[in-house]
Amino acid sequence: MGDSLAKERFVSASTWFRLGSVTVETVIALALLASAASLFAVSIGDPEMVALIGAGAVAVIVLGLALARLFTYLEINGLPVIENGGESTRSRV
C-alpha cells in the first residue's frame, strides 16, 4: 500500500522538504540582517527606526515560519485536492 501512495504524489516529498529548508535558512538570514540593521539604527540614535525594523523582522519571521510549517504539512500529506482526486480524507491503517 505504501508504494501505491508514493506513486500518487504530484510533487515529491523531497521538493517540499527543500522548500521548507530554504525558507528556514532565509528566515535566519533575514533575522540576522534585521539585527544588524537594528544595531546600526541604535548606533546612529534613531529609536523610531529600531521599532520599525523590529516590527518588520517579527512579521518576516512569523510569515517565514508559517510557510515552513505549510511545506512540512505538504511534505507529509502531499496536495490532498490534486493527489486524492478530490477526496478530503485518506484512510491510513
PDB file of N, CA and C in Angstrom:
ATOM      1  N   MET A   1       0.814  -1.181   0.000  1.00  0.00           N
ATOM      2  CA  MET A   1       0.000   0.000   0.000  1.00  0.00           C
ATOM      3  C   MET A   1       0.865   1.255   0.000  1.00  0.00           C
ATOM      4  N   GLY A   2       2.032   1.184   0.616  1.00  0.00           N
ATOM      5  CA  GLY A   2       2.923   2.330   0.627  1.00  0.00           C
ATOM      6  C   GLY A   2       3.397   2.717  -0.755  1.00  0.00           C
ATOM      7  N   ASP A   3       3.591   1.715  -1.625  1.00  0.00           N
ATOM      8  CA  ASP A   3       4.018   2.012  -2.989  1.00  0.00           C
ATOM      9  C   ASP A   3       2.937   2.734  -3.774  1.00  0.00           C
ATOM     10  N   SER A   4       1.684   2.336  -3.585  1.00  0.00           N
ATOM     11  CA  SER A   4       0.605   2.990  -4.322  1.00  0.00           C
ATOM     12  C   SER A   4       0.437   4.439  -3.883  1.00  0.00           C
ATOM     13  N   LEU A   5       0.682   4.733  -2.602  1.00  0.00           N
ATOM     14  CA  LEU A   5       0.599   6.112  -2.133  1.00  0.00           C
ATOM     15  C   LEU A   5       1.747   6.950  -2.684  1.00  0.00           C
ATOM     16  N   ALA A   6       2.922   6.336  -2.816  1.00  0.00           N
ATOM     17  CA  ALA A   6       4.076   7.072  -3.322  1.00  0.00           C
ATOM     18  C   ALA A   6       3.902   7.425  -4.800  1.00  0.00           C
ATOM     19  N   LYS A   7       3.234   6.556  -5.559  1.00  0.00           N
ATOM     20  CA  LYS A   7       3.045   6.814  -6.984  1.00  0.00           C
ATOM     21  C   LYS A   7       2.033   7.920  -7.242  1.00  0.00           C
ATOM     22  N   GLU A   8       1.140   8.195  -6.275  1.00  0.00           N
ATOM     23  CA  GLU A   8       0.107   9.201  -6.443  1.00  0.00           C
ATOM     24  C   GLU A   8       0.619  10.617  -6.209  1.00  0.00           C
ATOM     25  N   ARG A   9       1.849  10.775  -5.746  1.00  0.00           N
ATOM     26  CA  ARG A   9       2.370  12.097  -5.403  1.00  0.00           C
ATOM     27  C   ARG A   9       2.531  12.951  -6.645  1.00  0.00           C
ATOM     28  N   PHE A  10       1.944  14.147  -6.623  1.00  0.00           N
ATOM     29  CA  PHE A  10       2.071  15.100  -7.713  1.00  0.00           C
ATOM     30  C   PHE A  10       3.396  15.850  -7.600  1.00  0.00           C
ATOM     31  N   VAL A  11       3.764  16.208  -6.373  1.00  0.00           N
ATOM     32  CA  VAL A  11       5.043  16.860  -6.080  1.00  0.00           C
ATOM     33  C   VAL A  11       5.741  15.987  -5.039  1.00  0.00           C
ATOM     34  N   SER A  12       7.008  15.660  -5.262  1.00  0.00           N
ATOM     35  CA  SER A  12       7.700  14.742  -4.366  1.00  0.00           C
ATOM     36  C   SER A  12       7.923  15.369  -2.989  1.00  0.00           C
ATOM     37  N   ALA A  13       8.044  14.498  -1.995  1.00  0.00           N
ATOM     38  CA  ALA A  13       8.255  14.949  -0.623  1.00  0.00           C
ATOM     39  C   ALA A  13       9.586  15.683  -0.489  1.00  0.00           C
ATOM     40  N   SER A  14      10.588  15.294  -1.275  1.00  0.00           N
ATOM     41  CA  SER A  14      11.890  15.963  -1.186  1.00  0.00           C
ATOM     42  C   SER A  14      11.809  17.409  -1.671  1.00  0.00           C
ATOM     43  N   THR A  15      10.915  17.698  -2.600  1.00  0.00           N
ATOM     44  CA  THR A  15      10.729  19.072  -3.059  1.00  0.00           C
ATOM     45  C   THR A  15      10.170  19.926  -1.938  1.00  0.00           C
ATOM     46  N   TRP A  16       9.153  19.412  -1.218  1.00  0.00           N
ATOM     47  CA  TRP A  16       8.587  20.159  -0.096  1.00  0.00           C
ATOM     48  C   TRP A  16       9.614  20.329   1.012  1.00  0.00           C
ATOM     49  N   PHE A  17      10.430  19.292   1.257  1.00  0.00           N
ATOM     50  CA  PHE A  17      11.471  19.392   2.283  1.00  0.00           C
ATOM     51  C   PHE A  17      12.480  20.475   1.924  1.00  0.00           C
ATOM     52  N   ARG A  18      12.884  20.504   0.665  1.00  0.00           N
ATOM     53  CA  ARG A  18      13.852  21.516   0.212  1.00  0.00           C
ATOM     54  C   ARG A  18      13.272  22.926   0.328  1.00  0.00           C
ATOM     55  N   LEU A  19      12.016  23.095  -0.046  1.00  0.00           N
ATOM     56  CA  LEU A  19      11.377  24.409   0.086  1.00  0.00           C
ATOM     57  C   LEU A  19      11.320  24.848   1.550  1.00  0.00           C
ATOM     58  N   GLY A  20      11.001  23.915   2.444  1.00  0.00           N
ATOM     59  CA  GLY A  20      10.978  24.233   3.871  1.00  0.00           C
ATOM     60  C   GLY A  20      12.364  24.599   4.395  1.00  0.00           C
ATOM     61  N   SER A  21      13.375  23.883   3.944  1.00  0.00           N
ATOM     62  CA  SER A  21      14.747  24.165   4.378  1.00  0.00           C
ATOM     63  C   SER A  21      15.217  25.532   3.896  1.00  0.00           C
ATOM     64  N   VAL A  22      14.940  25.834   2.653  1.00  0.00           N
ATOM     65  CA  VAL A  22      15.337  27.135   2.104  1.00  0.00           C
ATOM     66  C   VAL A  22      14.594  28.260   2.824  1.00  0.00           C
ATOM     67  N   THR A  23      13.334  28.033   3.147  1.00  0.00           N
ATOM     68  CA  THR A  23      12.555  29.047   3.863  1.00  0.00           C
ATOM     69  C   THR A  23      13.145  29.321   5.235  1.00  0.00           C
ATOM     70  N   VAL A  24      13.492  28.275   5.972  1.00  0.00           N
ATOM     71  CA  VAL A  24      14.076  28.458   7.302  1.00  0.00           C
ATOM     72  C   VAL A  24      15.436  29.149   7.199  1.00  0.00           C
ATOM     73  N   GLU A  25      16.249  28.766   6.228  1.00  0.00           N
ATOM     74  CA  GLU A  25      17.547  29.423   6.037  1.00  0.00           C
ATOM     75  C   GLU A  25      17.372  30.910   5.721  1.00  0.00           C
ATOM     76  N   THR A  26      16.381  31.233   4.910  1.00  0.00           N
ATOM     77  CA  THR A  26      16.117  32.628   4.552  1.00  0.00           C
ATOM     78  C   THR A  26      15.634  33.416   5.756  1.00  0.00           C
ATOM     79  N   VAL A  27      14.781  32.818   6.573  1.00  0.00           N
ATOM     80  CA  VAL A  27      14.301  33.495   7.780  1.00  0.00           C
ATOM     81  C   VAL A  27      15.457  33.782   8.732  1.00  0.00           C
ATOM     82  N   ILE A  28      16.366  32.833   8.882  1.00  0.00           N
ATOM     83  CA  ILE A  28      17.526  33.050   9.749  1.00  0.00           C
ATOM     84  C   ILE A  28      18.393  34.177   9.210  1.00  0.00           C
ATOM     85  N   ALA A  29      18.638  34.174   7.907  1.00  0.00           N
ATOM     86  CA  ALA A  29      19.459  35.229   7.303  1.00  0.00           C
ATOM     87  C   ALA A  29      18.801  36.599   7.463  1.00  0.00           C
ATOM     88  N   LEU A  30      17.492  36.678   7.247  1.00  0.00           N
ATOM     89  CA  LEU A  30      16.795  37.954   7.390  1.00  0.00           C
ATOM     90  C   LEU A  30      16.749  38.427   8.841  1.00  0.00           C
ATOM     91  N   ALA A  31      16.647  37.494   9.778  1.00  0.00           N
ATOM     92  CA  ALA A  31      16.672  37.868  11.190  1.00  0.00           C
ATOM     93  C   ALA A  31      18.040  38.430  11.579  1.00  0.00           C
ATOM     94  N   LEU A  32      19.101  37.826  11.064  1.00  0.00           N
ATOM     95  CA  LEU A  32      20.443  38.351  11.338  1.00  0.00           C
ATOM     96  C   LEU A  32      20.641  39.714  10.692  1.00  0.00           C
ATOM     97  N   LEU A  33      20.134  39.880   9.497  1.00  0.00           N
ATOM     98  CA  LEU A  33      20.222  41.165   8.815  1.00  0.00           C
ATOM     99  C   LEU A  33      19.432  42.236   9.566  1.00  0.00           C
ATOM    100  N   ALA A  34      18.250  41.898  10.049  1.00  0.00           N
ATOM    101  CA  ALA A  34      17.445  42.841  10.825  1.00  0.00           C
ATOM    102  C   ALA A  34      18.141  43.206  12.135  1.00  0.00           C
ATOM    103  N   SER A  35      18.807  42.246  12.749  1.00  0.00           N
ATOM    104  CA  SER A  35      19.555  42.533  13.986  1.00  0.00           C
ATOM    105  C   SER A  35      20.682  43.515  13.720  1.00  0.00           C
ATOM    106  N   ALA A  36      21.393  43.301  12.632  1.00  0.00           N
ATOM    107  CA  ALA A  36      22.485  44.218  12.274  1.00  0.00           C
ATOM    108  C   ALA A  36      21.946  45.609  11.964  1.00  0.00           C
ATOM    109  N   ALA A  37      20.831  45.675  11.220  1.00  0.00           N
ATOM    110  CA  ALA A  37      20.238  46.970  10.895  1.00  0.00           C
ATOM    111  C   ALA A  37      19.733  47.670  12.148  1.00  0.00           C
ATOM    112  N   SER A  38      19.192  46.906  13.070  1.00  0.00           N
ATOM    113  CA  SER A  38      18.717  47.480  14.324  1.00  0.00           C
ATOM    114  C   SER A  38      19.871  48.039  15.151  1.00  0.00           C
ATOM    115  N   LEU A  39      20.972  47.317  15.211  1.00  0.00           N
ATOM    116  CA  LEU A  39      22.153  47.812  15.931  1.00  0.00           C
ATOM    117  C   LEU A  39      22.712  49.070  15.276  1.00  0.00           C
ATOM    118  N   PHE A  40      22.673  49.113  13.965  1.00  0.00           N
ATOM    119  CA  PHE A  40      23.126  50.310  13.259  1.00  0.00           C
ATOM    120  C   PHE A  40      22.220  51.496  13.577  1.00  0.00           C
ATOM    121  N   ALA A  41      20.895  51.249  13.603  1.00  0.00           N
ATOM    122  CA  ALA A  41      19.955  52.327  13.927  1.00  0.00           C
ATOM    123  C   ALA A  41      20.154  52.830  15.348  1.00  0.00           C
ATOM    124  N   VAL A  42      20.469  51.934  16.262  1.00  0.00           N
ATOM    125  CA  VAL A  42      20.761  52.348  17.642  1.00  0.00           C
ATOM    126  C   VAL A  42      22.029  53.183  17.683  1.00  0.00           C
ATOM    127  N   SER A  43      23.027  52.778  16.923  1.00  0.00           N
ATOM    128  CA  SER A  43      24.300  53.497  16.957  1.00  0.00           C
ATOM    129  C   SER A  43      24.196  54.913  16.394  1.00  0.00           C
ATOM    130  N   ILE A  44      23.261  55.133  15.459  1.00  0.00           N
ATOM    131  CA  ILE A  44      23.107  56.492  14.936  1.00  0.00           C
ATOM    132  C   ILE A  44      22.046  57.279  15.709  1.00  0.00           C
ATOM    133  N   GLY A  45      21.430  56.649  16.692  1.00  0.00           N
ATOM    134  CA  GLY A  45      20.498  57.346  17.566  1.00  0.00           C
ATOM    135  C   GLY A  45      19.113  57.553  16.988  1.00  0.00           C
ATOM    136  N   ASP A  46      18.573  56.562  16.310  1.00  0.00           N
ATOM    137  CA  ASP A  46      17.243  56.682  15.708  1.00  0.00           C
ATOM    138  C   ASP A  46      16.324  55.598  16.284  1.00  0.00           C
ATOM    139  N   PRO A  47      15.683  55.858  17.442  1.00  0.00           N
ATOM    140  CA  PRO A  47      14.860  54.825  18.084  1.00  0.00           C
ATOM    141  C   PRO A  47      13.606  54.456  17.292  1.00  0.00           C
ATOM    142  N   GLU A  48      13.074  55.403  16.510  1.00  0.00           N
ATOM    143  CA  GLU A  48      11.897  55.075  15.708  1.00  0.00           C
ATOM    144  C   GLU A  48      12.234  54.027  14.649  1.00  0.00           C
ATOM    145  N   MET A  49      13.419  54.140  14.086  1.00  0.00           N
ATOM    146  CA  MET A  49      13.837  53.173  13.080  1.00  0.00           C
ATOM    147  C   MET A  49      14.036  51.793  13.706  1.00  0.00           C
ATOM    148  N   VAL A  50      14.505  51.739  14.947  1.00  0.00           N
ATOM    149  CA  VAL A  50      14.677  50.454  15.634  1.00  0.00           C
ATOM    150  C   VAL A  50      13.325  49.766  15.776  1.00  0.00           C
ATOM    151  N   ALA A  51      12.305  50.529  16.160  1.00  0.00           N
ATOM    152  CA  ALA A  51      10.965  49.944  16.313  1.00  0.00           C
ATOM    153  C   ALA A  51      10.427  49.458  14.967  1.00  0.00           C
ATOM    154  N   LEU A  52      10.652  50.219  13.923  1.00  0.00           N
ATOM    155  CA  LEU A  52      10.187  49.826  12.592  1.00  0.00           C
ATOM    156  C   LEU A  52      10.895  48.558  12.117  1.00  0.00           C
ATOM    157  N   ILE A  53      12.191  48.504  12.323  1.00  0.00           N
ATOM    158  CA  ILE A  53      12.958  47.313  11.932  1.00  0.00           C
ATOM    159  C   ILE A  53      12.501  46.102  12.739  1.00  0.00           C
ATOM    160  N   GLY A  54      12.269  46.297  14.026  1.00  0.00           N
ATOM    161  CA  GLY A  54      11.812  45.193  14.880  1.00  0.00           C
ATOM    162  C   GLY A  54      10.458  44.658  14.456  1.00  0.00           C
ATOM    163  N   ALA A  55       9.530  45.562  14.136  1.00  0.00           N
ATOM    164  CA  ALA A  55       8.197  45.129  13.691  1.00  0.00           C
ATOM    165  C   ALA A  55       8.284  44.385  12.357  1.00  0.00           C
ATOM    166  N   GLY A  56       9.106  44.891  11.460  1.00  0.00           N
ATOM    167  CA  GLY A  56       9.290  44.205  10.179  1.00  0.00           C
ATOM    168  C   GLY A  56       9.919  42.838  10.347  1.00  0.00           C
ATOM    169  N   ALA A  57      10.895  42.755  11.251  1.00  0.00           N
ATOM    170  CA  ALA A  57      11.558  41.469  11.488  1.00  0.00           C
ATOM    171  C   ALA A  57      10.583  40.448  12.062  1.00  0.00           C
ATOM    172  N   VAL A  58       9.749  40.879  12.996  1.00  0.00           N
ATOM    173  CA  VAL A  58       8.760  39.960  13.576  1.00  0.00           C
ATOM    174  C   VAL A  58       7.792  39.480  12.505  1.00  0.00           C
ATOM    175  N   ALA A  59       7.353  40.376  11.636  1.00  0.00           N
ATOM    176  CA  ALA A  59       6.434  39.986  10.557  1.00  0.00           C
ATOM    177  C   ALA A  59       7.084  38.983   9.608  1.00  0.00           C
ATOM    178  N   VAL A  60       8.336  39.209   9.248  1.00  0.00           N
ATOM    179  CA  VAL A  60       9.044  38.300   8.342  1.00  0.00           C
ATOM    180  C   VAL A  60       9.243  36.936   8.997  1.00  0.00           C
ATOM    181  N   ILE A  61       9.584  36.922  10.268  1.00  0.00           N
ATOM    182  CA  ILE A  61       9.802  35.661  10.970  1.00  0.00           C
ATOM    183  C   ILE A  61       8.501  34.866  11.075  1.00  0.00           C
ATOM    184  N   VAL A  62       7.412  35.534  11.437  1.00  0.00           N
ATOM    185  CA  VAL A  62       6.121  34.841  11.552  1.00  0.00           C
ATOM    186  C   VAL A  62       5.693  34.279  10.198  1.00  0.00           C
ATOM    187  N   LEU A  63       5.805  35.072   9.156  1.00  0.00           N
ATOM    188  CA  LEU A  63       5.437  34.607   7.813  1.00  0.00           C
ATOM    189  C   LEU A  63       6.329  33.450   7.360  1.00  0.00           C
ATOM    190  N   GLY A  64       7.624  33.555   7.603  1.00  0.00           N
ATOM    191  CA  GLY A  64       8.548  32.503   7.201  1.00  0.00           C
ATOM    192  C   GLY A  64       8.302  31.194   7.926  1.00  0.00           C
ATOM    193  N   LEU A  65       8.033  31.275   9.230  1.00  0.00           N
ATOM    194  CA  LEU A  65       7.761  30.051   9.981  1.00  0.00           C
ATOM    195  C   LEU A  65       6.418  29.437   9.590  1.00  0.00           C
ATOM    196  N   ALA A  66       5.446  30.271   9.243  1.00  0.00           N
ATOM    197  CA  ALA A  66       4.166  29.741   8.755  1.00  0.00           C
ATOM    198  C   ALA A  66       4.365  29.002   7.425  1.00  0.00           C
ATOM    199  N   LEU A  67       5.184  29.570   6.554  1.00  0.00           N
ATOM    200  CA  LEU A  67       5.479  28.897   5.281  1.00  0.00           C
ATOM    201  C   LEU A  67       6.227  27.581   5.517  1.00  0.00           C
ATOM    202  N   ALA A  68       7.166  27.578   6.453  1.00  0.00           N
ATOM    203  CA  ALA A  68       7.906  26.351   6.749  1.00  0.00           C
ATOM    204  C   ALA A  68       6.965  25.268   7.273  1.00  0.00           C
ATOM    205  N   ARG A  69       6.007  25.662   8.120  1.00  0.00           N
ATOM    206  CA  ARG A  69       5.022  24.689   8.604  1.00  0.00           C
ATOM    207  C   ARG A  69       4.150  24.169   7.475  1.00  0.00           C
ATOM    208  N   LEU A  70       3.757  25.047   6.566  1.00  0.00           N
ATOM    209  CA  LEU A  70       2.954  24.625   5.418  1.00  0.00           C
ATOM    210  C   LEU A  70       3.718  23.631   4.564  1.00  0.00           C
ATOM    211  N   PHE A  71       4.991  23.906   4.306  1.00  0.00           N
ATOM    212  CA  PHE A  71       5.791  22.990   3.499  1.00  0.00           C
ATOM    213  C   PHE A  71       5.974  21.648   4.192  1.00  0.00           C
ATOM    214  N   THR A  72       6.093  21.642   5.515  1.00  0.00           N
ATOM    215  CA  THR A  72       6.196  20.380   6.258  1.00  0.00           C
ATOM    216  C   THR A  72       4.895  19.599   6.150  1.00  0.00           C
ATOM    217  N   TYR A  73       3.774  20.291   6.270  1.00  0.00           N
ATOM    218  CA  TYR A  73       2.477  19.636   6.113  1.00  0.00           C
ATOM    219  C   TYR A  73       2.349  19.019   4.722  1.00  0.00           C
ATOM    220  N   LEU A  74       2.736  19.787   3.702  1.00  0.00           N
ATOM    221  CA  LEU A  74       2.647  19.283   2.337  1.00  0.00           C
ATOM    222  C   LEU A  74       3.639  18.156   2.071  1.00  0.00           C
ATOM    223  N   GLU A  75       4.781  18.178   2.758  1.00  0.00           N
ATOM    224  CA  GLU A  75       5.745  17.076   2.626  1.00  0.00           C
ATOM    225  C   GLU A  75       5.147  15.776   3.140  1.00  0.00           C
ATOM    226  N   ILE A  76       4.402  15.868   4.227  1.00  0.00           N
ATOM    227  CA  ILE A  76       3.813  14.670   4.832  1.00  0.00           C
ATOM    228  C   ILE A  76       2.557  14.228   4.089  1.00  0.00           C
ATOM    229  N   ASN A  77       1.668  15.167   3.784  1.00  0.00           N
ATOM    230  CA  ASN A  77       0.358  14.830   3.235  1.00  0.00           C
ATOM    231  C   ASN A  77       0.234  15.001   1.730  1.00  0.00           C
ATOM    232  N   GLY A  78       1.141  15.723   1.118  1.00  0.00           N
ATOM    233  CA  GLY A  78       1.016  15.997  -0.302  1.00  0.00           C
ATOM    234  C   GLY A  78      -0.038  17.064  -0.550  1.00  0.00           C
ATOM    235  N   LEU A  79      -0.470  17.159  -1.790  1.00  0.00           N
ATOM    236  CA  LEU A  79      -1.540  18.091  -2.168  1.00  0.00           C
ATOM    237  C   LEU A  79      -2.845  17.304  -2.197  1.00  0.00           C
ATOM    238  N   PRO A  80      -3.598  17.315  -1.103  1.00  0.00           N
ATOM    239  CA  PRO A  80      -4.762  16.430  -0.994  1.00  0.00           C
ATOM    240  C   PRO A  80      -5.794  16.597  -2.102  1.00  0.00           C
ATOM    241  N   VAL A  81      -6.068  17.804  -2.546  1.00  0.00           N
ATOM    242  CA  VAL A  81      -7.105  18.017  -3.551  1.00  0.00           C
ATOM    243  C   VAL A  81      -6.705  17.419  -4.891  1.00  0.00           C
ATOM    244  N   ILE A  82      -5.444  17.568  -5.270  1.00  0.00           N
ATOM    245  CA  ILE A  82      -4.983  17.077  -6.563  1.00  0.00           C
ATOM    246  C   ILE A  82      -4.659  15.584  -6.514  1.00  0.00           C
ATOM    247  N   GLU A  83      -3.971  15.157  -5.483  1.00  0.00           N
ATOM    248  CA  GLU A  83      -3.445  13.787  -5.450  1.00  0.00           C
ATOM    249  C   GLU A  83      -4.480  12.741  -5.081  1.00  0.00           C
ATOM    250  N   ASN A  84      -5.538  13.129  -4.382  1.00  0.00           N
ATOM    251  CA  ASN A  84      -6.550  12.149  -3.981  1.00  0.00           C
ATOM    252  C   ASN A  84      -7.781  12.198  -4.862  1.00  0.00           C
ATOM    253  N   GLY A  85      -7.717  12.924  -5.940  1.00  0.00           N
ATOM    254  CA  GLY A  85      -8.857  13.012  -6.834  1.00  0.00           C
ATOM    255  C   GLY A  85     -10.048  13.732  -6.212  1.00  0.00           C
ATOM    256  N   GLY A  86      -9.780  14.698  -5.336  1.00  0.00           N
ATOM    257  CA  GLY A  86     -10.850  15.465  -4.722  1.00  0.00           C
ATOM    258  C   GLY A  86     -11.293  14.930  -3.373  1.00  0.00           C
ATOM    259  N   GLU A  87     -10.794  13.771  -2.963  1.00  0.00           N
ATOM    260  CA  GLU A  87     -11.152  13.224  -1.666  1.00  0.00           C
ATOM    261  C   GLU A  87     -10.464  14.040  -0.587  1.00  0.00           C
ATOM    262  N   SER A  88     -11.162  14.321   0.489  1.00  0.00           N
ATOM    263  CA  SER A  88     -10.585  15.151   1.549  1.00  0.00           C
ATOM    264  C   SER A  88      -9.888  14.328   2.611  1.00  0.00           C
ATOM    265  N   THR A  89     -10.181  13.027   2.695  1.00  0.00           N
ATOM    266  CA  THR A  89      -9.551  12.186   3.716  1.00  0.00           C
ATOM    267  C   THR A  89      -8.954  10.959   3.071  1.00  0.00           C
ATOM    268  N   ARG A  90      -7.934  10.441   3.695  1.00  0.00           N
ATOM    269  CA  ARG A  90      -7.262   9.222   3.240  1.00  0.00           C
ATOM    270  C   ARG A  90      -7.156   8.296   4.447  1.00  0.00           C
ATOM    271  N   SER A  91      -7.616   7.083   4.328  1.00  0.00           N
ATOM    272  CA  SER A  91      -7.538   6.160   5.460  1.00  0.00           C
ATOM    273  C   SER A  91      -6.127   5.603   5.543  1.00  0.00           C
ATOM    274  N   ARG A  92      -5.565   5.689   6.719  1.00  0.00           N
ATOM    275  CA  ARG A  92      -4.208   5.166   6.957  1.00  0.00           C
ATOM    276  C   ARG A  92      -4.306   4.077   8.004  1.00  0.00           C
ATOM    277  N   VAL A  93      -4.016   2.859   7.584  1.00  0.00           N
ATOM    278  CA  VAL A  93      -4.089   1.737   8.510  1.00  0.00           C
ATOM    279  C   VAL A  93      -2.759   1.055   8.534  1.00  0.00           C
TER     280      VAL A  93
END
